[in-house]
Amino acid sequence: MKVDKIRNLTDAELSHQERDLADQLFKLKFQMNMGQTESLKKIRGLRKDIARVKTIVGERNRSAATEKK
């Protein structure tokens, strides 16, 4: 997922996206532990997407905190 696309999402959509990505990551890890899949690229990609979403949320929280001061 591209950063530009993530930045255009609302806060509610970001939290929903983060939950969806975390759920997908959990399922892939579970499948990997059961020996059903060997998709390390997908796991790495999901982890990076989750980090991107969390970074954008953090940026928005910090900018909102500085505006309140």
PDB file of N, CA and C in Angstrom:
ATOM      1  N   MET A   1       0.841  -1.174   0.000  1.00  0.00           N
ATOM      2  CA  MET A   1       0.000   0.000   0.000  1.00  0.00           C
ATOM      3  C   MET A   1       0.890   1.242   0.000  1.00  0.00           C
ATOM      4  N   LYS A   2       0.539   2.201  -0.806  1.00  0.00           N
ATOM      5  CA  LYS A   2       1.325   3.418  -0.954  1.00  0.00           C
ATOM      6  C   LYS A   2       0.994   4.414   0.154  1.00  0.00           C
ATOM      7  N   VAL A   3       1.974   5.235   0.504  1.00  0.00           N
ATOM      8  CA  VAL A   3       1.816   6.215   1.570  1.00  0.00           C
ATOM      9  C   VAL A   3       0.777   7.262   1.192  1.00  0.00           C
ATOM     10  N   ASP A   4       0.758   7.663  -0.070  1.00  0.00           N
ATOM     11  CA  ASP A   4      -0.213   8.666  -0.511  1.00  0.00           C
ATOM     12  C   ASP A   4      -1.645   8.177  -0.308  1.00  0.00           C
ATOM     13  N   LYS A   5      -1.864   6.917  -0.580  1.00  0.00           N
ATOM     14  CA  LYS A   5      -3.198   6.344  -0.401  1.00  0.00           C
ATOM     15  C   LYS A   5      -3.570   6.307   1.084  1.00  0.00           C
ATOM     16  N   ILE A   6      -2.625   6.000   1.934  1.00  0.00           N
ATOM     17  CA  ILE A   6      -2.874   5.936   3.371  1.00  0.00           C
ATOM     18  C   ILE A   6      -3.174   7.324   3.913  1.00  0.00           C
ATOM     19  N   ARG A   7      -2.443   8.330   3.452  1.00  0.00           N
ATOM     20  CA  ARG A   7      -2.641   9.702   3.938  1.00  0.00           C
ATOM     21  C   ARG A   7      -4.023  10.240   3.597  1.00  0.00           C
ATOM     22  N   ASN A   8      -4.641   9.742   2.535  1.00  0.00           N
ATOM     23  CA  ASN A   8      -5.967  10.213   2.127  1.00  0.00           C
ATOM     24  C   ASN A   8      -7.097   9.579   2.930  1.00  0.00           C
ATOM     25  N   LEU A   9      -6.807   8.590   3.758  1.00  0.00           N
ATOM     26  CA  LEU A   9      -7.844   7.927   4.549  1.00  0.00           C
ATOM     27  C   LEU A   9      -8.191   8.767   5.780  1.00  0.00           C
ATOM     28  N   THR A  10      -9.418   8.618   6.239  1.00  0.00           N
ATOM     29  CA  THR A  10      -9.832   9.295   7.472  1.00  0.00           C
ATOM     30  C   THR A  10      -9.310   8.510   8.671  1.00  0.00           C
ATOM     31  N   ASP A  11      -9.471   9.083   9.862  1.00  0.00           N
ATOM     32  CA  ASP A  11      -8.994   8.406  11.071  1.00  0.00           C
ATOM     33  C   ASP A  11      -9.715   7.080  11.297  1.00  0.00           C
ATOM     34  N   ALA A  12     -11.021   7.055  11.068  1.00  0.00           N
ATOM     35  CA  ALA A  12     -11.782   5.817  11.241  1.00  0.00           C
ATOM     36  C   ALA A  12     -11.331   4.763  10.237  1.00  0.00           C
ATOM     37  N   GLU A  13     -11.096   5.182   9.010  1.00  0.00           N
ATOM     38  CA  GLU A  13     -10.630   4.244   7.985  1.00  0.00           C
ATOM     39  C   GLU A  13      -9.238   3.725   8.314  1.00  0.00           C
ATOM     40  N   LEU A  14      -8.389   4.588   8.884  1.00  0.00           N
ATOM     41  CA  LEU A  14      -7.041   4.156   9.274  1.00  0.00           C
ATOM     42  C   LEU A  14      -7.094   3.093  10.359  1.00  0.00           C
ATOM     43  N   SER A  15      -7.927   3.306  11.355  1.00  0.00           N
ATOM     44  CA  SER A  15      -8.017   2.309  12.433  1.00  0.00           C
ATOM     45  C   SER A  15      -8.585   1.000  11.897  1.00  0.00           C
ATOM     46  N   HIS A  16      -9.558   1.088  11.000  1.00  0.00           N
ATOM     47  CA  HIS A  16     -10.124  -0.117  10.391  1.00  0.00           C
ATOM     48  C   HIS A  16      -9.067  -0.834   9.548  1.00  0.00           C
ATOM     49  N   GLN A  17      -8.287  -0.065   8.794  1.00  0.00           N
ATOM     50  CA  GLN A  17      -7.226  -0.639   7.965  1.00  0.00           C
ATOM     51  C   GLN A  17      -6.174  -1.324   8.833  1.00  0.00           C
ATOM     52  N   GLU A  18      -5.826  -0.699   9.944  1.00  0.00           N
ATOM     53  CA  GLU A  18      -4.828  -1.290  10.845  1.00  0.00           C
ATOM     54  C   GLU A  18      -5.319  -2.624  11.416  1.00  0.00           C
ATOM     55  N   ARG A  19      -6.581  -2.665  11.806  1.00  0.00           N
ATOM     56  CA  ARG A  19      -7.145  -3.927  12.325  1.00  0.00           C
ATOM     57  C   ARG A  19      -7.152  -5.008  11.256  1.00  0.00           C
ATOM     58  N   ASP A  20      -7.534  -4.634  10.034  1.00  0.00           N
ATOM     59  CA  ASP A  20      -7.570  -5.611   8.943  1.00  0.00           C
ATOM     60  C   ASP A  20      -6.178  -6.166   8.641  1.00  0.00           C
ATOM     61  N   LEU A  21      -5.202  -5.275   8.599  1.00  0.00           N
ATOM     62  CA  LEU A  21      -3.839  -5.717   8.314  1.00  0.00           C
ATOM     63  C   LEU A  21      -3.300  -6.612   9.429  1.00  0.00           C
ATOM     64  N   ALA A  22      -3.595  -6.251  10.682  1.00  0.00           N
ATOM     65  CA  ALA A  22      -3.144  -7.071  11.805  1.00  0.00           C
ATOM     66  C   ALA A  22      -3.804  -8.444  11.761  1.00  0.00           C
ATOM     67  N   ASP A  23      -5.064  -8.486  11.369  1.00  0.00           N
ATOM     68  CA  ASP A  23      -5.776  -9.763  11.262  1.00  0.00           C
ATOM     69  C   ASP A  23      -5.168 -10.628  10.157  1.00  0.00           C
ATOM     70  N   GLN A  24      -4.872 -10.017   9.023  1.00  0.00           N
ATOM     71  CA  GLN A  24      -4.238 -10.757   7.928  1.00  0.00           C
ATOM     72  C   GLN A  24      -2.877 -11.291   8.340  1.00  0.00           C
ATOM     73  N   LEU A  25      -2.119 -10.466   9.061  1.00  0.00           N
ATOM     74  CA  LEU A  25      -0.798 -10.889   9.518  1.00  0.00           C
ATOM     75  C   LEU A  25      -0.915 -12.073  10.470  1.00  0.00           C
ATOM     76  N   PHE A  26      -1.882 -12.017  11.380  1.00  0.00           N
ATOM     77  CA  PHE A  26      -2.092 -13.122  12.314  1.00  0.00           C
ATOM     78  C   PHE A  26      -2.406 -14.414  11.567  1.00  0.00           C
ATOM     79  N   LYS A  27      -3.291 -14.313  10.575  1.00  0.00           N
ATOM     80  CA  LYS A  27      -3.673 -15.505   9.809  1.00  0.00           C
ATOM     81  C   LYS A  27      -2.485 -16.083   9.044  1.00  0.00           C
ATOM     82  N   LEU A  28      -1.677 -15.204   8.452  1.00  0.00           N
ATOM     83  CA  LEU A  28      -0.508 -15.693   7.712  1.00  0.00           C
ATOM     84  C   LEU A  28       0.507 -16.348   8.634  1.00  0.00           C
ATOM     85  N   LYS A  29       0.723 -15.745   9.803  1.00  0.00           N
ATOM     86  CA  LYS A  29       1.658 -16.347  10.763  1.00  0.00           C
ATOM     87  C   LYS A  29       1.150 -17.701  11.228  1.00  0.00           C
ATOM     88  N   PHE A  30      -0.143 -17.794  11.454  1.00  0.00           N
ATOM     89  CA  PHE A  30      -0.736 -19.062  11.879  1.00  0.00           C
ATOM     90  C   PHE A  30      -0.559 -20.117  10.798  1.00  0.00           C
ATOM     91  N   GLN A  31      -0.834 -19.752   9.550  1.00  0.00           N
ATOM     92  CA  GLN A  31      -0.663 -20.687   8.444  1.00  0.00           C
ATOM     93  C   GLN A  31       0.801 -21.112   8.297  1.00  0.00           C
ATOM     94  N   MET A  32       1.698 -20.172   8.508  1.00  0.00           N
ATOM     95  CA  MET A  32       3.115 -20.487   8.387  1.00  0.00           C
ATOM     96  C   MET A  32       3.545 -21.473   9.470  1.00  0.00           C
ATOM     97  N   ASN A  33       3.063 -21.269  10.687  1.00  0.00           N
ATOM     98  CA  ASN A  33       3.406 -22.183  11.777  1.00  0.00           C
ATOM     99  C   ASN A  33       2.810 -23.566  11.565  1.00  0.00           C
ATOM    100  N   MET A  34       1.685 -23.629  10.876  1.00  0.00           N
ATOM    101  CA  MET A  34       1.063 -24.920  10.597  1.00  0.00           C
ATOM    102  C   MET A  34       1.683 -25.582   9.369  1.00  0.00           C
ATOM    103  N   GLY A  35       2.556 -24.862   8.671  1.00  0.00           N
ATOM    104  CA  GLY A  35       3.221 -25.428   7.514  1.00  0.00           C
ATOM    105  C   GLY A  35       2.408 -25.356   6.245  1.00  0.00           C
ATOM    106  N   GLN A  36       1.365 -24.535   6.228  1.00  0.00           N
ATOM    107  CA  GLN A  36       0.503 -24.454   5.050  1.00  0.00           C
ATOM    108  C   GLN A  36       1.017 -23.462   4.014  1.00  0.00           C
ATOM    109  N   THR A  37       1.839 -22.512   4.427  1.00  0.00           N
ATOM    110  CA  THR A  37       2.330 -21.509   3.498  1.00  0.00           C
ATOM    111  C   THR A  37       3.766 -21.134   3.852  1.00  0.00           C
ATOM    112  N   GLU A  38       4.458 -20.609   2.876  1.00  0.00           N
ATOM    113  CA  GLU A  38       5.823 -20.148   3.100  1.00  0.00           C
ATOM    114  C   GLU A  38       5.992 -18.767   2.474  1.00  0.00           C
ATOM    115  N   SER A  39       5.037 -17.898   2.731  1.00  0.00           N
ATOM    116  CA  SER A  39       5.030 -16.584   2.089  1.00  0.00           C
ATOM    117  C   SER A  39       5.641 -15.522   2.995  1.00  0.00           C
ATOM    118  N   LEU A  40       6.947 -15.500   3.069  1.00  0.00           N
ATOM    119  CA  LEU A  40       7.636 -14.509   3.879  1.00  0.00           C
ATOM    120  C   LEU A  40       7.475 -13.112   3.292  1.00  0.00           C
ATOM    121  N   LYS A  41       7.396 -13.009   1.983  1.00  0.00           N
ATOM    122  CA  LYS A  41       7.239 -11.699   1.349  1.00  0.00           C
ATOM    123  C   LYS A  41       5.924 -11.047   1.769  1.00  0.00           C
ATOM    124  N   LYS A  42       4.862 -11.827   1.851  1.00  0.00           N
ATOM    125  CA  LYS A  42       3.572 -11.274   2.260  1.00  0.00           C
ATOM    126  C   LYS A  42       3.621 -10.806   3.711  1.00  0.00           C
ATOM    127  N   ILE A  43       4.263 -11.574   4.557  1.00  0.00           N
ATOM    128  CA  ILE A  43       4.369 -11.209   5.974  1.00  0.00           C
ATOM    129  C   ILE A  43       5.165  -9.925   6.117  1.00  0.00           C
ATOM    130  N   ARG A  44       6.272  -9.832   5.425  1.00  0.00           N
ATOM    131  CA  ARG A  44       7.094  -8.612   5.481  1.00  0.00           C
ATOM    132  C   ARG A  44       6.321  -7.410   4.961  1.00  0.00           C
ATOM    133  N   GLY A  45       5.602  -7.605   3.880  1.00  0.00           N
ATOM    134  CA  GLY A  45       4.810  -6.519   3.304  1.00  0.00           C
ATOM    135  C   GLY A  45       3.722  -6.048   4.257  1.00  0.00           C
ATOM    136  N   LEU A  46       3.054  -6.991   4.912  1.00  0.00           N
ATOM    137  CA  LEU A  46       2.005  -6.631   5.868  1.00  0.00           C
ATOM    138  C   LEU A  46       2.583  -5.881   7.062  1.00  0.00           C
ATOM    139  N   ARG A  47       3.729  -6.336   7.539  1.00  0.00           N
ATOM    140  CA  ARG A  47       4.363  -5.641   8.669  1.00  0.00           C
ATOM    141  C   ARG A  47       4.725  -4.209   8.297  1.00  0.00           C
ATOM    142  N   LYS A  48       5.205  -4.023   7.086  1.00  0.00           N
ATOM    143  CA  LYS A  48       5.555  -2.679   6.633  1.00  0.00           C
ATOM    144  C   LYS A  48       4.310  -1.808   6.469  1.00  0.00           C
ATOM    145  N   ASP A  49       3.227  -2.397   5.944  1.00  0.00           N
ATOM    146  CA  ASP A  49       1.983  -1.643   5.802  1.00  0.00           C
ATOM    147  C   ASP A  49       1.428  -1.222   7.158  1.00  0.00           C
ATOM    148  N   ILE A  50       1.503  -2.118   8.135  1.00  0.00           N
ATOM    149  CA  ILE A  50       1.048  -1.782   9.489  1.00  0.00           C
ATOM    150  C   ILE A  50       1.892  -0.648  10.058  1.00  0.00           C
ATOM    151  N   ALA A  51       3.183  -0.708   9.828  1.00  0.00           N
ATOM    152  CA  ALA A  51       4.074   0.352  10.319  1.00  0.00           C
ATOM    153  C   ALA A  51       3.750   1.680   9.645  1.00  0.00           C
ATOM    154  N   ARG A  52       3.439   1.643   8.354  1.00  0.00           N
ATOM    155  CA  ARG A  52       3.078   2.877   7.650  1.00  0.00           C
ATOM    156  C   ARG A  52       1.820   3.495   8.240  1.00  0.00           C
ATOM    157  N   VAL A  53       0.810   2.662   8.476  1.00  0.00           N
ATOM    158  CA  VAL A  53      -0.452   3.154   9.036  1.00  0.00           C
ATOM    159  C   VAL A  53      -0.219   3.739  10.426  1.00  0.00           C
ATOM    160  N   LYS A  54       0.545   3.032  11.253  1.00  0.00           N
ATOM    161  CA  LYS A  54       0.814   3.528  12.608  1.00  0.00           C
ATOM    162  C   LYS A  54       1.610   4.827  12.583  1.00  0.00           C
ATOM    163  N   THR A  55       2.503   4.967  11.629  1.00  0.00           N
ATOM    164  CA  THR A  55       3.282   6.202  11.502  1.00  0.00           C
ATOM    165  C   THR A  55       2.382   7.381  11.159  1.00  0.00           C
ATOM    166  N   ILE A  56       1.468   7.185  10.223  1.00  0.00           N
ATOM    167  CA  ILE A  56       0.552   8.257   9.829  1.00  0.00           C
ATOM    168  C   ILE A  56      -0.350   8.639  10.997  1.00  0.00           C
ATOM    169  N   VAL A  57      -0.848   7.641  11.738  1.00  0.00           N
ATOM    170  CA  VAL A  57      -1.692   7.918  12.904  1.00  0.00           C
ATOM    171  C   VAL A  57      -0.905   8.712  13.937  1.00  0.00           C
ATOM    172  N   GLY A  58       0.327   8.329  14.171  1.00  0.00           N
ATOM    173  CA  GLY A  58       1.171   9.044  15.120  1.00  0.00           C
ATOM    174  C   GLY A  58       1.439  10.473  14.691  1.00  0.00           C
ATOM    175  N   GLU A  59       1.681  10.674  13.396  1.00  0.00           N
ATOM    176  CA  GLU A  59       1.898  12.025  12.885  1.00  0.00           C
ATOM    177  C   GLU A  59       0.672  12.893  13.109  1.00  0.00           C
ATOM    178  N   ARG A  60      -0.499  12.317  12.838  1.00  0.00           N
ATOM    179  CA  ARG A  60      -1.733  13.085  13.032  1.00  0.00           C
ATOM    180  C   ARG A  60      -1.964  13.409  14.497  1.00  0.00           C
ATOM    181  N   ASN A  61      -1.662  12.467  15.379  1.00  0.00           N
ATOM    182  CA  ASN A  61      -1.833  12.716  16.809  1.00  0.00           C
ATOM    183  C   ASN A  61      -0.883  13.807  17.293  1.00  0.00           C
ATOM    184  N   ARG A  62       0.348  13.766  16.830  1.00  0.00           N
ATOM    185  CA  ARG A  62       1.320  14.787  17.235  1.00  0.00           C
ATOM    186  C   ARG A  62       0.951  16.161  16.696  1.00  0.00           C
ATOM    187  N   SER A  63       0.477  16.211  15.467  1.00  0.00           N
ATOM    188  CA  SER A  63       0.101  17.506  14.894  1.00  0.00           C
ATOM    189  C   SER A  63      -1.145  18.059  15.587  1.00  0.00           C
ATOM    190  N   ALA A  64      -2.062  17.196  15.985  1.00  0.00           N
ATOM    191  CA  ALA A  64      -3.255  17.646  16.711  1.00  0.00           C
ATOM    192  C   ALA A  64      -2.873  18.140  18.097  1.00  0.00           C
ATOM    193  N   ALA A  65      -1.897  17.508  18.724  1.00  0.00           N
ATOM    194  CA  ALA A  65      -1.459  17.916  20.062  1.00  0.00           C
ATOM    195  C   ALA A  65      -0.760  19.278  20.016  1.00  0.00           C
ATOM    196  N   THR A  66       0.015  19.529  18.965  1.00  0.00           N
ATOM    197  CA  THR A  66       0.702  20.822  18.877  1.00  0.00           C
ATOM    198  C   THR A  66      -0.254  21.939  18.518  1.00  0.00           C
ATOM    199  N   GLU A  67      -1.338  21.628  17.793  1.00  0.00           N
ATOM    200  CA  GLU A  67      -2.335  22.639  17.456  1.00  0.00           C
ATOM    201  C   GLU A  67      -3.141  23.065  18.675  1.00  0.00           C
ATOM    202  N   LYS A  68      -3.326  22.160  19.625  1.00  0.00           N
ATOM    203  CA  LYS A  68      -4.101  22.471  20.840  1.00  0.00           C
ATOM    204  C   LYS A  68      -3.347  23.395  21.783  1.00  0.00           C
ATOM    205  N   LYS A  69      -2.035  23.414  21.697  1.00  0.00           N
ATOM    206  CA  LYS A  69      -1.245  24.227  22.615  1.00  0.00           C
ATOM    207  C   LYS A  69      -1.321  25.671  22.306  1.00  0.00           C
TER     208      LYS A  69
END
